[in-house]
Amino acid sequence: MQGRFSRRAVSILLISTAGYSFADKISVEQIVQRHIQALGGRDNIETVRSTVTRGEYREGTFTIPGAYVAKMRPYYRTICDPRQKWGEVCEGYDGSA
Protein backbone atom coordinates (compact mmCIF):
# COMPACT_ATOMS: atom_id res chain seq x y z
CA MET A 1 0.00 0.00 0.00
CA GLN A 2 2.71 2.45 1.00
CA GLY A 3 4.73 1.99 -2.20
CA ARG A 4 1.68 2.18 -4.43
CA PHE A 5 0.45 5.34 -2.63
CA SER A 6 3.88 6.97 -2.91
CA ARG A 7 4.16 6.21 -6.63
CA ARG A 8 0.69 7.59 -7.30
CA ALA A 9 1.32 10.69 -5.21
CA VAL A 10 4.61 11.35 -6.97
CA SER A 11 3.04 10.86 -10.40
CA ILE A 12 0.17 13.21 -9.63
CA LEU A 13 2.44 15.83 -8.18
CA LEU A 14 4.91 15.67 -11.06
CA ILE A 15 2.15 16.01 -13.62
CA SER A 16 0.51 18.87 -11.74
CA THR A 17 3.79 20.78 -11.41
CA ALA A 18 4.98 20.33 -15.01
CA GLY A 19 5.88 23.68 -16.51
CA TYR A 20 6.32 25.45 -13.17
CA SER A 21 9.65 26.69 -11.90
CA PHE A 22 10.19 26.66 -8.15
CA ALA A 23 12.29 29.43 -6.63
CA ASP A 24 13.22 27.01 -3.84
CA LYS A 25 14.09 23.78 -5.61
CA ILE A 26 12.55 20.99 -3.60
CA SER A 27 12.98 17.28 -4.02
CA VAL A 28 10.30 14.81 -5.05
CA GLU A 29 10.50 13.29 -1.57
CA GLN A 30 9.77 16.70 -0.01
CA ILE A 31 6.77 17.11 -2.31
CA VAL A 32 5.47 13.68 -1.35
CA GLN A 33 5.96 14.40 2.35
CA ARG A 34 4.10 17.72 2.04
CA HIS A 35 1.27 15.95 0.24
CA ILE A 36 1.06 13.29 2.95
CA GLN A 37 1.06 16.03 5.59
CA ALA A 38 -1.73 17.90 3.76
CA LEU A 39 -3.83 14.71 3.81
CA GLY A 40 -3.45 14.48 7.59
CA GLY A 41 -0.39 12.25 7.87
CA ARG A 42 0.36 8.65 6.96
CA ASP A 43 -1.47 7.27 10.02
CA ASN A 44 -4.70 8.99 8.95
CA ILE A 45 -4.27 7.82 5.35
CA GLU A 46 -3.77 4.22 6.53
CA THR A 47 -7.03 4.31 8.53
CA VAL A 48 -9.12 4.82 5.38
CA ARG A 49 -10.92 1.53 4.81
CA SER A 50 -13.39 2.42 2.09
CA THR A 51 -14.17 4.93 -0.62
CA VAL A 52 -17.43 5.78 -2.34
CA THR A 53 -17.61 7.30 -5.81
CA ARG A 54 -20.70 8.39 -7.68
CA GLY A 55 -20.64 8.85 -11.41
CA GLU A 56 -21.04 6.95 -14.65
CA TYR A 57 -19.83 3.34 -14.60
CA ARG A 58 -18.53 2.06 -17.93
CA GLU A 59 -17.53 -1.40 -18.99
CA GLY A 60 -17.08 -1.55 -22.76
CA THR A 61 -20.27 -0.18 -24.28
CA PHE A 62 -22.30 -0.92 -21.14
CA THR A 63 -22.90 2.12 -18.91
CA ILE A 64 -24.71 2.83 -15.67
CA PRO A 65 -25.39 6.56 -15.28
CA GLY A 66 -25.40 7.72 -11.66
CA ALA A 67 -23.59 4.58 -10.47
CA TYR A 68 -22.46 4.15 -6.89
CA VAL A 69 -19.08 2.44 -6.61
CA ALA A 70 -17.86 1.42 -3.16
CA LYS A 71 -14.40 -0.04 -2.58
CA MET A 72 -13.56 -1.58 0.76
CA ARG A 73 -10.48 -3.30 2.18
CA PRO A 74 -9.14 -5.86 1.80
CA TYR A 75 -10.92 -5.77 -1.56
CA TYR A 76 -14.59 -5.59 -2.28
CA ARG A 77 -16.41 -3.49 -4.83
CA THR A 78 -20.08 -2.89 -5.52
CA ILE A 79 -21.57 -0.88 -8.38
CA CYS A 80 -25.06 -0.21 -7.06
CA ASP A 81 -26.34 1.97 -4.26
CA PRO A 82 -27.75 -0.27 -1.53
CA ARG A 83 -29.85 2.66 -0.26
CA GLN A 84 -31.79 2.98 -3.52
CA LYS A 85 -33.95 0.72 -5.71
CA TRP A 86 -31.61 -1.63 -7.53
CA GLY A 87 -31.48 -1.37 -11.30
CA GLU A 88 -30.89 -4.08 -13.87
CA VAL A 89 -27.33 -4.56 -12.67
CA CYS A 90 -26.23 -4.64 -9.05
CA GLU A 91 -23.09 -6.59 -8.40
CA GLY A 92 -20.39 -7.03 -5.84
CA TYR A 93 -16.90 -8.36 -6.40
CA ASP A 94 -14.43 -9.60 -3.81
CA GLY A 95 -11.36 -9.78 -6.04
CA SER A 96 -11.33 -13.55 -6.42
CA ALA A 97 -11.04 -15.25 -9.80
PDB file of N, CA and C in Angstrom:
ATOM      1  N   MET A   1       0.832  -1.193   0.000  1.00  0.00           N
ATOM      2  CA  MET A   1       0.000   0.000   0.000  1.00  0.00           C
ATOM      3  C   MET A   1       0.875   1.254   0.000  1.00  0.00           C
ATOM      4  N   GLN A   2       1.874   1.264   0.866  1.00  0.00           N
ATOM      5  CA  GLN A   2       2.710   2.450   1.004  1.00  0.00           C
ATOM      6  C   GLN A   2       3.439   2.765  -0.296  1.00  0.00           C
ATOM      7  N   GLY A   3       4.008   1.767  -0.951  1.00  0.00           N
ATOM      8  CA  GLY A   3       4.730   1.990  -2.202  1.00  0.00           C
ATOM      9  C   GLY A   3       3.814   2.453  -3.311  1.00  0.00           C
ATOM     10  N   ARG A   4       2.641   1.816  -3.399  1.00  0.00           N
ATOM     11  CA  ARG A   4       1.677   2.183  -4.430  1.00  0.00           C
ATOM     12  C   ARG A   4       1.189   3.618  -4.202  1.00  0.00           C
ATOM     13  N   PHE A   5       0.896   3.982  -2.951  1.00  0.00           N
ATOM     14  CA  PHE A   5       0.453   5.341  -2.630  1.00  0.00           C
ATOM     15  C   PHE A   5       1.541   6.349  -2.987  1.00  0.00           C
ATOM     16  N   SER A   6       2.777   6.050  -2.625  1.00  0.00           N
ATOM     17  CA  SER A   6       3.881   6.968  -2.905  1.00  0.00           C
ATOM     18  C   SER A   6       4.079   7.172  -4.401  1.00  0.00           C
ATOM     19  N   ARG A   7       4.004   6.090  -5.170  1.00  0.00           N
ATOM     20  CA  ARG A   7       4.160   6.212  -6.626  1.00  0.00           C
ATOM     21  C   ARG A   7       3.040   7.044  -7.226  1.00  0.00           C
ATOM     22  N   ARG A   8       1.811   6.798  -6.787  1.00  0.00           N
ATOM     23  CA  ARG A   8       0.686   7.586  -7.296  1.00  0.00           C
ATOM     24  C   ARG A   8       0.822   9.048  -6.914  1.00  0.00           C
ATOM     25  N   ALA A   9       1.181   9.303  -5.676  1.00  0.00           N
ATOM     26  CA  ALA A   9       1.322  10.688  -5.209  1.00  0.00           C
ATOM     27  C   ALA A   9       2.404  11.409  -5.993  1.00  0.00           C
ATOM     28  N   VAL A  10       3.522  10.747  -6.208  1.00  0.00           N
ATOM     29  CA  VAL A  10       4.614  11.354  -6.969  1.00  0.00           C
ATOM     30  C   VAL A  10       4.173  11.624  -8.399  1.00  0.00           C
ATOM     31  N   SER A  11       3.504  10.667  -9.017  1.00  0.00           N
ATOM     32  CA  SER A  11       3.040  10.857 -10.398  1.00  0.00           C
ATOM     33  C   SER A  11       2.092  12.033 -10.508  1.00  0.00           C
ATOM     34  N   ILE A  12       1.136  12.100  -9.606  1.00  0.00           N
ATOM     35  CA  ILE A  12       0.169  13.206  -9.630  1.00  0.00           C
ATOM     36  C   ILE A  12       0.859  14.536  -9.415  1.00  0.00           C
ATOM     37  N   LEU A  13       1.750  14.571  -8.472  1.00  0.00           N
ATOM     38  CA  LEU A  13       2.442  15.833  -8.178  1.00  0.00           C
ATOM     39  C   LEU A  13       3.361  16.259  -9.316  1.00  0.00           C
ATOM     40  N   LEU A  14       4.034  15.313  -9.938  1.00  0.00           N
ATOM     41  CA  LEU A  14       4.913  15.665 -11.057  1.00  0.00           C
ATOM     42  C   LEU A  14       4.113  16.190 -12.234  1.00  0.00           C
ATOM     43  N   ILE A  15       2.999  15.551 -12.519  1.00  0.00           N
ATOM     44  CA  ILE A  15       2.155  16.011 -13.622  1.00  0.00           C
ATOM     45  C   ILE A  15       1.588  17.387 -13.316  1.00  0.00           C
ATOM     46  N   SER A  16       1.141  17.599 -12.084  1.00  0.00           N
ATOM     47  CA  SER A  16       0.515  18.872 -11.738  1.00  0.00           C
ATOM     48  C   SER A  16       1.525  20.023 -11.665  1.00  0.00           C
ATOM     49  N   THR A  17       2.792  19.716 -11.491  1.00  0.00           N
ATOM     50  CA  THR A  17       3.791  20.784 -11.407  1.00  0.00           C
ATOM     51  C   THR A  17       4.584  20.965 -12.693  1.00  0.00           C
ATOM     52  N   ALA A  18       4.257  20.204 -13.732  1.00  0.00           N
ATOM     53  CA  ALA A  18       4.976  20.327 -15.006  1.00  0.00           C
ATOM     54  C   ALA A  18       4.829  21.753 -15.536  1.00  0.00           C
ATOM     55  N   GLY A  19       5.910  22.336 -15.946  1.00  0.00           N
ATOM     56  CA  GLY A  19       5.876  23.684 -16.512  1.00  0.00           C
ATOM     57  C   GLY A  19       6.097  24.774 -15.480  1.00  0.00           C
ATOM     58  N   TYR A  20       6.099  24.450 -14.206  1.00  0.00           N
ATOM     59  CA  TYR A  20       6.324  25.449 -13.173  1.00  0.00           C
ATOM     60  C   TYR A  20       7.786  25.436 -12.753  1.00  0.00           C
ATOM     61  N   SER A  21       8.278  26.585 -12.402  1.00  0.00           N
ATOM     62  CA  SER A  21       9.647  26.691 -11.902  1.00  0.00           C
ATOM     63  C   SER A  21       9.586  27.110 -10.440  1.00  0.00           C
ATOM     64  N   PHE A  22      10.183  26.342  -9.571  1.00  0.00           N
ATOM     65  CA  PHE A  22      10.185  26.661  -8.148  1.00  0.00           C
ATOM     66  C   PHE A  22      11.413  27.496  -7.809  1.00  0.00           C
ATOM     67  N   ALA A  23      11.177  28.593  -7.080  1.00  0.00           N
ATOM     68  CA  ALA A  23      12.295  29.426  -6.631  1.00  0.00           C
ATOM     69  C   ALA A  23      13.161  28.597  -5.675  1.00  0.00           C
ATOM     70  N   ASP A  24      12.512  27.915  -4.752  1.00  0.00           N
ATOM     71  CA  ASP A  24      13.222  27.015  -3.842  1.00  0.00           C
ATOM     72  C   ASP A  24      13.088  25.621  -4.416  1.00  0.00           C
ATOM     73  N   LYS A  25      14.146  25.122  -5.020  1.00  0.00           N
ATOM     74  CA  LYS A  25      14.092  23.783  -5.605  1.00  0.00           C
ATOM     75  C   LYS A  25      13.888  22.772  -4.484  1.00  0.00           C
ATOM     76  N   ILE A  26      12.809  22.008  -4.604  1.00  0.00           N
ATOM     77  CA  ILE A  26      12.546  20.989  -3.599  1.00  0.00           C
ATOM     78  C   ILE A  26      12.561  19.620  -4.271  1.00  0.00           C
ATOM     79  N   SER A  27      12.865  18.627  -3.479  1.00  0.00           N
ATOM     80  CA  SER A  27      12.977  17.277  -4.024  1.00  0.00           C
ATOM     81  C   SER A  27      11.598  16.634  -4.139  1.00  0.00           C
ATOM     82  N   VAL A  28      11.540  15.571  -4.899  1.00  0.00           N
ATOM     83  CA  VAL A  28      10.300  14.814  -5.047  1.00  0.00           C
ATOM     84  C   VAL A  28       9.870  14.284  -3.686  1.00  0.00           C
ATOM     85  N   GLU A  29      10.814  13.813  -2.908  1.00  0.00           N
ATOM     86  CA  GLU A  29      10.499  13.293  -1.572  1.00  0.00           C
ATOM     87  C   GLU A  29       9.865  14.370  -0.698  1.00  0.00           C
ATOM     88  N   GLN A  30      10.365  15.608  -0.782  1.00  0.00           N
ATOM     89  CA  GLN A  30       9.769  16.699  -0.012  1.00  0.00           C
ATOM     90  C   GLN A  30       8.336  16.979  -0.481  1.00  0.00           C
ATOM     91  N   ILE A  31       8.121  16.903  -1.771  1.00  0.00           N
ATOM     92  CA  ILE A  31       6.774  17.115  -2.311  1.00  0.00           C
ATOM     93  C   ILE A  31       5.833  16.034  -1.793  1.00  0.00           C
ATOM     94  N   VAL A  32       6.287  14.787  -1.829  1.00  0.00           N
ATOM     95  CA  VAL A  32       5.467  13.677  -1.349  1.00  0.00           C
ATOM     96  C   VAL A  32       5.169  13.856   0.142  1.00  0.00           C
ATOM     97  N   GLN A  33       6.170  14.217   0.915  1.00  0.00           N
ATOM     98  CA  GLN A  33       5.962  14.404   2.351  1.00  0.00           C
ATOM     99  C   GLN A  33       4.978  15.536   2.632  1.00  0.00           C
ATOM    100  N   ARG A  34       5.046  16.609   1.875  1.00  0.00           N
ATOM    101  CA  ARG A  34       4.101  17.718   2.045  1.00  0.00           C
ATOM    102  C   ARG A  34       2.685  17.283   1.682  1.00  0.00           C
ATOM    103  N   HIS A  35       2.581  16.462   0.646  1.00  0.00           N
ATOM    104  CA  HIS A  35       1.270  15.951   0.237  1.00  0.00           C
ATOM    105  C   HIS A  35       0.680  15.053   1.331  1.00  0.00           C
ATOM    106  N   ILE A  36       1.494  14.165   1.868  1.00  0.00           N
ATOM    107  CA  ILE A  36       1.059  13.291   2.952  1.00  0.00           C
ATOM    108  C   ILE A  36       0.628  14.125   4.150  1.00  0.00           C
ATOM    109  N   GLN A  37       1.386  15.145   4.474  1.00  0.00           N
ATOM    110  CA  GLN A  37       1.056  16.031   5.593  1.00  0.00           C
ATOM    111  C   GLN A  37      -0.275  16.750   5.338  1.00  0.00           C
ATOM    112  N   ALA A  38      -0.486  17.201   4.103  1.00  0.00           N
ATOM    113  CA  ALA A  38      -1.733  17.899   3.759  1.00  0.00           C
ATOM    114  C   ALA A  38      -2.946  16.982   3.878  1.00  0.00           C
ATOM    115  N   LEU A  39      -2.740  15.679   3.681  1.00  0.00           N
ATOM    116  CA  LEU A  39      -3.834  14.710   3.812  1.00  0.00           C
ATOM    117  C   LEU A  39      -4.044  14.264   5.259  1.00  0.00           C
ATOM    118  N   GLY A  40      -3.270  14.803   6.177  1.00  0.00           N
ATOM    119  CA  GLY A  40      -3.452  14.480   7.587  1.00  0.00           C
ATOM    120  C   GLY A  40      -2.439  13.522   8.158  1.00  0.00           C
ATOM    121  N   GLY A  41      -1.433  13.154   7.386  1.00  0.00           N
ATOM    122  CA  GLY A  41      -0.393  12.252   7.870  1.00  0.00           C
ATOM    123  C   GLY A  41      -0.644  10.818   7.450  1.00  0.00           C
ATOM    124  N   ARG A  42       0.436  10.042   7.413  1.00  0.00           N
ATOM    125  CA  ARG A  42       0.362   8.654   6.965  1.00  0.00           C
ATOM    126  C   ARG A  42      -0.585   7.825   7.836  1.00  0.00           C
ATOM    127  N   ASP A  43      -0.586   8.048   9.143  1.00  0.00           N
ATOM    128  CA  ASP A  43      -1.469   7.272  10.019  1.00  0.00           C
ATOM    129  C   ASP A  43      -2.937   7.484   9.641  1.00  0.00           C
ATOM    130  N   ASN A  44      -3.315   8.720   9.357  1.00  0.00           N
ATOM    131  CA  ASN A  44      -4.696   8.988   8.949  1.00  0.00           C
ATOM    132  C   ASN A  44      -5.009   8.368   7.596  1.00  0.00           C
ATOM    133  N   ILE A  45      -4.058   8.418   6.680  1.00  0.00           N
ATOM    134  CA  ILE A  45      -4.268   7.824   5.355  1.00  0.00           C
ATOM    135  C   ILE A  45      -4.472   6.317   5.492  1.00  0.00           C
ATOM    136  N   GLU A  46      -3.692   5.674   6.342  1.00  0.00           N
ATOM    137  CA  GLU A  46      -3.772   4.223   6.526  1.00  0.00           C
ATOM    138  C   GLU A  46      -5.079   3.791   7.182  1.00  0.00           C
ATOM    139  N   THR A  47      -5.778   4.685   7.879  1.00  0.00           N
ATOM    140  CA  THR A  47      -7.035   4.311   8.527  1.00  0.00           C
ATOM    141  C   THR A  47      -8.213   4.297   7.560  1.00  0.00           C
ATOM    142  N   VAL A  48      -8.035   4.827   6.355  1.00  0.00           N
ATOM    143  CA  VAL A  48      -9.122   4.823   5.378  1.00  0.00           C
ATOM    144  C   VAL A  48      -9.363   3.381   4.940  1.00  0.00           C
ATOM    145  N   ARG A  49     -10.574   2.912   5.128  1.00  0.00           N
ATOM    146  CA  ARG A  49     -10.917   1.531   4.807  1.00  0.00           C
ATOM    147  C   ARG A  49     -11.854   1.413   3.618  1.00  0.00           C
ATOM    148  N   SER A  50     -12.478   2.506   3.222  1.00  0.00           N
ATOM    149  CA  SER A  50     -13.394   2.423   2.092  1.00  0.00           C
ATOM    150  C   SER A  50     -13.507   3.773   1.399  1.00  0.00           C
ATOM    151  N   THR A  51     -13.892   3.716   0.142  1.00  0.00           N
ATOM    152  CA  THR A  51     -14.166   4.928  -0.620  1.00  0.00           C
ATOM    153  C   THR A  51     -15.471   4.726  -1.372  1.00  0.00           C
ATOM    154  N   VAL A  52     -16.178   5.812  -1.579  1.00  0.00           N
ATOM    155  CA  VAL A  52     -17.427   5.776  -2.342  1.00  0.00           C
ATOM    156  C   VAL A  52     -17.323   6.815  -3.442  1.00  0.00           C
ATOM    157  N   THR A  53     -17.643   6.402  -4.654  1.00  0.00           N
ATOM    158  CA  THR A  53     -17.615   7.298  -5.810  1.00  0.00           C
ATOM    159  C   THR A  53     -18.956   7.211  -6.502  1.00  0.00           C
ATOM    160  N   ARG A  54     -19.466   8.355  -6.898  1.00  0.00           N
ATOM    161  CA  ARG A  54     -20.704   8.385  -7.679  1.00  0.00           C
ATOM    162  C   ARG A  54     -20.386   8.981  -9.037  1.00  0.00           C
ATOM    163  N   GLY A  55     -20.902   8.375 -10.063  1.00  0.00           N
ATOM    164  CA  GLY A  55     -20.638   8.846 -11.414  1.00  0.00           C
ATOM    165  C   GLY A  55     -21.124   7.810 -12.416  1.00  0.00           C
ATOM    166  N   GLU A  56     -20.635   7.903 -13.621  1.00  0.00           N
ATOM    167  CA  GLU A  56     -21.041   6.945 -14.647  1.00  0.00           C
ATOM    168  C   GLU A  56     -20.084   5.765 -14.655  1.00  0.00           C
ATOM    169  N   TYR A  57     -20.631   4.565 -14.536  1.00  0.00           N
ATOM    170  CA  TYR A  57     -19.834   3.340 -14.596  1.00  0.00           C
ATOM    171  C   TYR A  57     -19.828   2.865 -16.037  1.00  0.00           C
ATOM    172  N   ARG A  58     -18.650   2.553 -16.552  1.00  0.00           N
ATOM    173  CA  ARG A  58     -18.526   2.062 -17.934  1.00  0.00           C
ATOM    174  C   ARG A  58     -17.727   0.779 -17.969  1.00  0.00           C
ATOM    175  N   GLU A  59     -18.233  -0.137 -18.752  1.00  0.00           N
ATOM    176  CA  GLU A  59     -17.527  -1.399 -18.987  1.00  0.00           C
ATOM    177  C   GLU A  59     -17.796  -1.756 -20.442  1.00  0.00           C
ATOM    178  N   GLY A  60     -16.847  -1.406 -21.319  1.00  0.00           N
ATOM    179  CA  GLY A  60     -17.075  -1.547 -22.755  1.00  0.00           C
ATOM    180  C   GLY A  60     -18.153  -0.568 -23.190  1.00  0.00           C
ATOM    181  N   THR A  61     -19.177  -1.060 -23.848  1.00  0.00           N
ATOM    182  CA  THR A  61     -20.267  -0.184 -24.281  1.00  0.00           C
ATOM    183  C   THR A  61     -21.381  -0.110 -23.241  1.00  0.00           C
ATOM    184  N   PHE A  62     -21.305  -0.924 -22.204  1.00  0.00           N
ATOM    185  CA  PHE A  62     -22.299  -0.924 -21.137  1.00  0.00           C
ATOM    186  C   PHE A  62     -22.034   0.229 -20.185  1.00  0.00           C
ATOM    187  N   THR A  63     -23.057   1.010 -19.860  1.00  0.00           N
ATOM    188  CA  THR A  63     -22.897   2.120 -18.912  1.00  0.00           C
ATOM    189  C   THR A  63     -24.025   2.110 -17.889  1.00  0.00           C
ATOM    190  N   ILE A  64     -23.713   2.609 -16.703  1.00  0.00           N
ATOM    191  CA  ILE A  64     -24.714   2.833 -15.668  1.00  0.00           C
ATOM    192  C   ILE A  64     -24.566   4.294 -15.245  1.00  0.00           C
ATOM    193  N   PRO A  65     -25.464   5.167 -15.712  1.00  0.00           N
ATOM    194  CA  PRO A  65     -25.386   6.565 -15.282  1.00  0.00           C
ATOM    195  C   PRO A  65     -25.767   6.667 -13.804  1.00  0.00           C
ATOM    196  N   GLY A  66     -25.102   7.538 -13.083  1.00  0.00           N
ATOM    197  CA  GLY A  66     -25.401   7.717 -11.661  1.00  0.00           C
ATOM    198  C   GLY A  66     -25.033   6.516 -10.816  1.00  0.00           C
ATOM    199  N   ALA A  67     -24.003   5.784 -11.213  1.00  0.00           N
ATOM    200  CA  ALA A  67     -23.595   4.581 -10.473  1.00  0.00           C
ATOM    201  C   ALA A  67     -22.958   4.958  -9.140  1.00  0.00           C
ATOM    202  N   TYR A  68     -23.046   4.037  -8.226  1.00  0.00           N
ATOM    203  CA  TYR A  68     -22.462   4.147  -6.893  1.00  0.00           C
ATOM    204  C   TYR A  68     -21.408   3.055  -6.815  1.00  0.00           C
ATOM    205  N   VAL A  69     -20.151   3.426  -6.670  1.00  0.00           N
ATOM    206  CA  VAL A  69     -19.078   2.441  -6.610  1.00  0.00           C
ATOM    207  C   VAL A  69     -18.428   2.536  -5.236  1.00  0.00           C
ATOM    208  N   ALA A  70     -18.479   1.465  -4.481  1.00  0.00           N
ATOM    209  CA  ALA A  70     -17.864   1.421  -3.157  1.00  0.00           C
ATOM    210  C   ALA A  70     -16.704   0.439  -3.200  1.00  0.00           C
ATOM    211  N   LYS A  71     -15.567   0.840  -2.671  1.00  0.00           N
ATOM    212  CA  LYS A  71     -14.403  -0.040  -2.585  1.00  0.00           C
ATOM    213  C   LYS A  71     -14.028  -0.140  -1.112  1.00  0.00           C
ATOM    214  N   MET A  72     -13.864  -1.363  -0.635  1.00  0.00           N
ATOM    215  CA  MET A  72     -13.557  -1.581   0.762  1.00  0.00           C
ATOM    216  C   MET A  72     -12.401  -2.554   0.906  1.00  0.00           C
ATOM    217  N   ARG A  73     -11.598  -2.402   1.937  1.00  0.00           N
ATOM    218  CA  ARG A  73     -10.483  -3.303   2.179  1.00  0.00           C
ATOM    219  C   ARG A  73     -10.983  -4.584   2.810  1.00  0.00           C
ATOM    220  N   PRO A  74     -10.349  -5.718   2.588  1.00  0.00           N
ATOM    221  CA  PRO A  74      -9.143  -5.859   1.797  1.00  0.00           C
ATOM    222  C   PRO A  74      -9.411  -5.655   0.318  1.00  0.00           C
ATOM    223  N   TYR A  75     -10.510  -6.141  -0.214  1.00  0.00           N
ATOM    224  CA  TYR A  75     -10.917  -5.769  -1.561  1.00  0.00           C
ATOM    225  C   TYR A  75     -12.350  -6.224  -1.745  1.00  0.00           C
ATOM    226  N   TYR A  76     -13.212  -5.288  -1.932  1.00  0.00           N
ATOM    227  CA  TYR A  76     -14.591  -5.587  -2.280  1.00  0.00           C
ATOM    228  C   TYR A  76     -15.137  -4.371  -3.008  1.00  0.00           C
ATOM    229  N   ARG A  77     -15.874  -4.611  -4.055  1.00  0.00           N
ATOM    230  CA  ARG A  77     -16.408  -3.494  -4.829  1.00  0.00           C
ATOM    231  C   ARG A  77     -17.867  -3.781  -5.149  1.00  0.00           C
ATOM    232  N   THR A  78     -18.686  -2.762  -5.106  1.00  0.00           N
ATOM    233  CA  THR A  78     -20.076  -2.891  -5.524  1.00  0.00           C
ATOM    234  C   THR A  78     -20.384  -1.739  -6.475  1.00  0.00           C
ATOM    235  N   ILE A  79     -21.263  -1.964  -7.440  1.00  0.00           N
ATOM    236  CA  ILE A  79     -21.574  -0.884  -8.378  1.00  0.00           C
ATOM    237  C   ILE A  79     -23.048  -0.503  -8.341  1.00  0.00           C
ATOM    238  N   CYS A  80     -23.689  -0.700  -7.206  1.00  0.00           N
ATOM    239  CA  CYS A  80     -25.057  -0.214  -7.058  1.00  0.00           C
ATOM    240  C   CYS A  80     -25.185   0.405  -5.677  1.00  0.00           C
ATOM    241  N   ASP A  81     -26.135   1.294  -5.534  1.00  0.00           N
ATOM    242  CA  ASP A  81     -26.341   1.970  -4.261  1.00  0.00           C
ATOM    243  C   ASP A  81     -27.318   1.153  -3.424  1.00  0.00           C
ATOM    244  N   PRO A  82     -26.867   0.580  -2.331  1.00  0.00           N
ATOM    245  CA  PRO A  82     -27.754  -0.267  -1.528  1.00  0.00           C
ATOM    246  C   PRO A  82     -28.895   0.511  -0.881  1.00  0.00           C
ATOM    247  N   ARG A  83     -28.794   1.847  -0.866  1.00  0.00           N
ATOM    248  CA  ARG A  83     -29.848   2.664  -0.259  1.00  0.00           C
ATOM    249  C   ARG A  83     -30.966   2.991  -1.244  1.00  0.00           C
ATOM    250  N   GLN A  84     -30.798   2.655  -2.512  1.00  0.00           N
ATOM    251  CA  GLN A  84     -31.795   2.977  -3.524  1.00  0.00           C
ATOM    252  C   GLN A  84     -32.326   1.704  -4.175  1.00  0.00           C
ATOM    253  N   LYS A  85     -33.396   1.857  -4.962  1.00  0.00           N
ATOM    254  CA  LYS A  85     -33.948   0.721  -5.711  1.00  0.00           C
ATOM    255  C   LYS A  85     -32.890   0.224  -6.691  1.00  0.00           C
ATOM    256  N   TRP A  86     -32.642  -1.067  -6.674  1.00  0.00           N
ATOM    257  CA  TRP A  86     -31.614  -1.633  -7.531  1.00  0.00           C
ATOM    258  C   TRP A  86     -32.077  -1.665  -8.969  1.00  0.00           C
ATOM    259  N   GLY A  87     -31.178  -1.348  -9.876  1.00  0.00           N
ATOM    260  CA  GLY A  87     -31.483  -1.369 -11.297  1.00  0.00           C
ATOM    261  C   GLY A  87     -31.290  -2.754 -11.881  1.00  0.00           C
ATOM    262  N   GLU A  88     -31.079  -2.800 -13.188  1.00  0.00           N
ATOM    263  CA  GLU A  88     -30.892  -4.085 -13.870  1.00  0.00           C
ATOM    264  C   GLU A  88     -29.621  -4.780 -13.415  1.00  0.00           C
ATOM    265  N   VAL A  89     -28.608  -3.993 -13.078  1.00  0.00           N
ATOM    266  CA  VAL A  89     -27.327  -4.564 -12.667  1.00  0.00           C
ATOM    267  C   VAL A  89     -26.979  -4.055 -11.273  1.00  0.00           C
ATOM    268  N   CYS A  90     -26.731  -4.981 -10.387  1.00  0.00           N
ATOM    269  CA  CYS A  90     -26.227  -4.638  -9.053  1.00  0.00           C
ATOM    270  C   CYS A  90     -25.296  -5.778  -8.692  1.00  0.00           C
ATOM    271  N   GLU A  91     -24.022  -5.496  -8.645  1.00  0.00           N
ATOM    272  CA  GLU A  91     -23.087  -6.594  -8.399  1.00  0.00           C
ATOM    273  C   GLU A  91     -22.041  -6.193  -7.379  1.00  0.00           C
ATOM    274  N   GLY A  92     -21.505  -7.195  -6.741  1.00  0.00           N
ATOM    275  CA  GLY A  92     -20.388  -7.028  -5.837  1.00  0.00           C
ATOM    276  C   GLY A  92     -19.266  -7.943  -6.297  1.00  0.00           C
ATOM    277  N   TYR A  93     -18.058  -7.579  -5.966  1.00  0.00           N
ATOM    278  CA  TYR A  93     -16.904  -8.359  -6.398  1.00  0.00           C
ATOM    279  C   TYR A  93     -15.880  -8.343  -5.289  1.00  0.00           C
ATOM    280  N   ASP A  94     -15.380  -9.509  -4.913  1.00  0.00           N
ATOM    281  CA  ASP A  94     -14.431  -9.600  -3.808  1.00  0.00           C
ATOM    282  C   ASP A  94     -12.979  -9.775  -4.251  1.00  0.00           C
ATOM    283  N   GLY A  95     -12.722  -9.676  -5.548  1.00  0.00           N
ATOM    284  CA  GLY A  95     -11.355  -9.776  -6.043  1.00  0.00           C
ATOM    285  C   GLY A  95     -10.920 -11.175  -6.405  1.00  0.00           C
ATOM    286  N   SER A  96     -11.745 -12.181  -6.110  1.00  0.00           N
ATOM    287  CA  SER A  96     -11.335 -13.553  -6.424  1.00  0.00           C
ATOM    288  C   SER A  96     -11.593 -13.872  -7.893  1.00  0.00           C
ATOM    289  N   ALA A  97     -10.881 -14.860  -8.392  1.00  0.00           N
ATOM    290  CA  ALA A  97     -11.044 -15.247  -9.798  1.00  0.00           C
ATOM    291  C   ALA A  97     -12.353 -15.977 -10.006  1.00  0.00           C
TER     292      ALA A  97
END
